[in-house]
Amino acid sequence: MWFCECACMSEPLPENPLCLENQLCFSLYSAANAMVRAYRPYLEQLQLTYPQYLAMMVLWQQNGISVKLLGEQLHLDSGTLTPLLKRLEAKGLVCRGRSQQDERMRVLELTADGLALRESAMSIPRQMFCRTGLAPAQLTELKQLCDQLWSQLVE
């Protein structure tokens, strides 16, 4: 056994630290890839990629949000976010404009098609919940742990 030098760990870590099956990162990576693949058939019906779906979910909650705030909520930099938004705009789902309070700030407004797409997407969360096979309490705990892990790693 080997031990972590940080004070937060009193438990020994696995015997072979380089064994793939002992890696949390691999489990998270594999689960994230499987989750995105599971979303694919539902999102194809909406003609959205998974990152576009995430952006649309934010916009359905906060229409008129700034590009900067959207990037912060999605944890995406502008180099990743800009092409995604251009594709949503080309699909006629969003319009990028200027803030009336600050012309330097770009804001996003849903088009009528973007607003209408929300209705088609309403069934996806329940379908994905059923796909997981987990109880609501398990999903809540898993999400909380992932959020906690993300917060710790980005500090």
Protein backbone atom coordinates (compact mmCIF):
# COMPACT_ATOMS: atom_id res chain seq x y z
CA MET A 1 0.00 0.00 0.00
CA TRP A 2 1.03 3.59 -0.55
CA PHE A 3 -0.29 6.72 1.07
CA CYS A 4 -1.22 10.14 -0.17
CA GLU A 5 0.96 12.90 1.23
CA CYS A 6 -1.96 15.32 1.62
CA ALA A 7 -3.61 15.61 5.02
CA CYS A 8 -7.05 14.78 3.61
CA MET A 9 -6.17 11.11 3.08
CA SER A 10 -5.73 8.75 5.98
CA GLU A 11 -6.77 5.67 4.02
CA PRO A 12 -4.21 3.80 1.92
CA LEU A 13 -4.62 3.96 -1.86
CA PRO A 14 -4.67 0.83 -4.06
CA GLU A 15 -1.57 -1.37 -4.24
CA ASN A 16 -0.87 -0.68 -7.92
CA PRO A 17 -1.43 3.03 -8.56
CA LEU A 18 -0.94 2.68 -12.33
CA CYS A 19 -3.45 -0.13 -12.83
CA LEU A 20 -6.23 1.15 -15.12
CA GLU A 21 -8.99 -0.51 -13.11
CA ASN A 22 -7.89 1.48 -10.03
CA GLN A 23 -8.22 4.85 -11.77
CA LEU A 24 -11.13 7.13 -10.88
CA CYS A 25 -10.28 9.27 -13.91
CA PHE A 26 -10.84 6.32 -16.24
CA SER A 27 -14.20 5.48 -14.64
CA LEU A 28 -15.34 9.10 -14.98
CA TYR A 29 -14.04 9.31 -18.55
CA SER A 30 -15.77 6.07 -19.55
CA ALA A 31 -19.03 7.03 -17.87
CA ALA A 32 -19.00 10.48 -19.47
CA ASN A 33 -18.41 9.00 -22.93
CA ALA A 34 -21.16 6.44 -22.41
CA MET A 35 -23.53 9.18 -21.23
CA VAL A 36 -22.89 11.31 -24.31
CA ARG A 37 -23.38 8.26 -26.58
CA ALA A 38 -26.66 7.47 -24.79
CA TYR A 39 -27.89 11.01 -25.46
CA ARG A 40 -27.02 10.81 -29.15
CA PRO A 41 -30.22 9.18 -30.52
CA TYR A 42 -32.43 11.66 -28.67
CA LEU A 43 -30.36 14.65 -29.74
CA GLU A 44 -30.19 13.52 -33.36
CA GLN A 45 -33.95 13.97 -33.47
CA LEU A 46 -33.38 17.60 -32.43
CA GLN A 47 -30.40 17.93 -34.79
CA LEU A 48 -28.20 18.98 -31.85
CA THR A 49 -24.85 17.81 -30.59
CA TYR A 50 -24.44 17.27 -26.87
CA PRO A 51 -22.57 20.58 -26.30
CA GLN A 52 -25.25 22.40 -28.32
CA TYR A 53 -27.94 20.75 -26.17
CA LEU A 54 -26.19 21.97 -23.01
CA ALA A 55 -26.06 25.51 -24.39
CA MET A 56 -29.73 25.37 -25.36
CA MET A 57 -30.68 24.19 -21.85
CA VAL A 58 -28.99 27.26 -20.38
CA LEU A 59 -30.69 29.51 -22.93
CA TRP A 60 -34.10 27.97 -22.26
CA GLN A 61 -33.62 29.01 -18.64
CA GLN A 62 -31.91 32.36 -19.26
CA ASN A 63 -32.83 33.77 -22.65
CA GLY A 64 -30.81 36.92 -23.30
CA ILE A 65 -27.76 35.71 -21.36
CA SER A 66 -24.33 37.08 -22.23
CA VAL A 67 -21.89 34.89 -24.13
CA LYS A 68 -19.42 35.30 -21.26
CA LEU A 69 -21.91 34.07 -18.65
CA LEU A 70 -22.95 31.15 -20.87
CA GLY A 71 -19.30 30.13 -21.15
CA GLU A 72 -18.89 30.31 -17.38
CA GLN A 73 -21.97 28.15 -16.79
CA LEU A 74 -20.88 25.57 -19.36
CA HIS A 75 -17.22 25.70 -18.22
CA LEU A 76 -16.17 26.47 -21.81
CA ASP A 77 -13.66 28.99 -23.10
CA SER A 78 -14.50 31.36 -25.93
CA GLY A 79 -12.45 29.33 -28.43
CA THR A 80 -14.79 26.39 -27.89
CA LEU A 81 -17.98 28.36 -27.34
CA THR A 82 -17.80 30.67 -30.38
CA PRO A 83 -17.94 27.91 -33.06
CA LEU A 84 -20.73 26.17 -31.12
CA LEU A 85 -22.78 29.39 -31.06
CA LYS A 86 -22.12 30.05 -34.75
CA ARG A 87 -23.55 26.62 -35.57
CA LEU A 88 -26.63 27.26 -33.39
CA GLU A 89 -27.06 30.58 -35.15
CA ALA A 90 -26.69 28.93 -38.59
CA LYS A 91 -29.44 26.48 -37.59
CA GLY A 92 -31.68 29.45 -36.82
CA LEU A 93 -31.97 28.66 -33.10
CA VAL A 94 -30.20 31.71 -31.62
CA CYS A 95 -29.26 35.25 -32.55
CA ARG A 96 -26.11 36.85 -31.26
CA GLY A 97 -26.41 40.55 -30.61
CA ARG A 98 -25.04 43.37 -28.49
CA SER A 99 -26.15 44.24 -24.98
CA GLN A 100 -28.12 47.47 -24.76
CA GLN A 101 -26.36 48.27 -21.47
CA ASP A 102 -22.84 47.59 -22.75
CA GLU A 103 -22.19 47.35 -26.49
CA ARG A 104 -18.97 45.43 -25.87
CA MET A 105 -20.98 42.54 -24.42
CA ARG A 106 -22.44 39.87 -26.73
CA VAL A 107 -25.84 38.47 -25.75
CA LEU A 108 -27.80 35.49 -27.01
CA GLU A 109 -31.49 35.49 -27.81
CA LEU A 110 -33.47 32.41 -28.75
CA THR A 111 -35.35 32.58 -32.03
CA ALA A 112 -38.91 31.26 -32.35
CA ASP A 113 -37.44 27.95 -33.58
CA GLY A 114 -35.06 27.87 -30.61
CA LEU A 115 -37.94 28.42 -28.21
CA ALA A 116 -40.08 25.79 -29.96
CA LEU A 117 -37.28 23.22 -29.76
CA ARG A 118 -37.66 23.24 -25.97
CA GLU A 119 -40.95 21.35 -26.25
CA SER A 120 -39.31 18.61 -28.31
CA ALA A 121 -36.53 18.32 -25.73
CA MET A 122 -38.81 18.02 -22.69
CA SER A 123 -38.87 14.20 -22.74
CA ILE A 124 -35.10 13.74 -22.89
CA PRO A 125 -34.29 14.07 -19.16
CA ARG A 126 -36.85 11.40 -18.20
CA GLN A 127 -35.67 9.08 -20.97
CA MET A 128 -32.08 9.48 -19.84
CA PHE A 129 -33.05 8.95 -16.20
CA CYS A 130 -34.60 5.63 -17.21
CA ARG A 131 -31.49 4.69 -19.21
CA THR A 132 -29.26 5.04 -16.12
CA GLY A 133 -31.08 2.40 -14.09
CA LEU A 134 -30.20 4.36 -10.93
CA ALA A 135 -32.57 5.53 -8.22
CA PRO A 136 -33.20 9.28 -7.93
CA ALA A 137 -31.23 9.45 -4.66
CA GLN A 138 -28.27 7.72 -6.31
CA LEU A 139 -28.31 10.14 -9.24
CA THR A 140 -28.52 13.11 -6.87
CA GLU A 141 -25.58 11.83 -4.85
CA LEU A 142 -23.54 11.08 -7.97
CA LYS A 143 -24.18 14.57 -9.33
CA GLN A 144 -23.23 16.16 -6.00
CA LEU A 145 -20.00 14.15 -5.86
CA CYS A 146 -19.11 15.08 -9.45
CA ASP A 147 -19.83 18.76 -8.73
CA GLN A 148 -17.72 18.59 -5.57
CA LEU A 149 -14.88 16.91 -7.48
CA TRP A 150 -15.03 19.53 -10.25
CA SER A 151 -14.92 22.37 -7.69
CA GLN A 152 -11.92 20.84 -5.97
CA LEU A 153 -10.00 20.31 -9.19
CA VAL A 154 -10.53 23.80 -10.64
CA GLU A 155 -9.44 25.66 -7.48
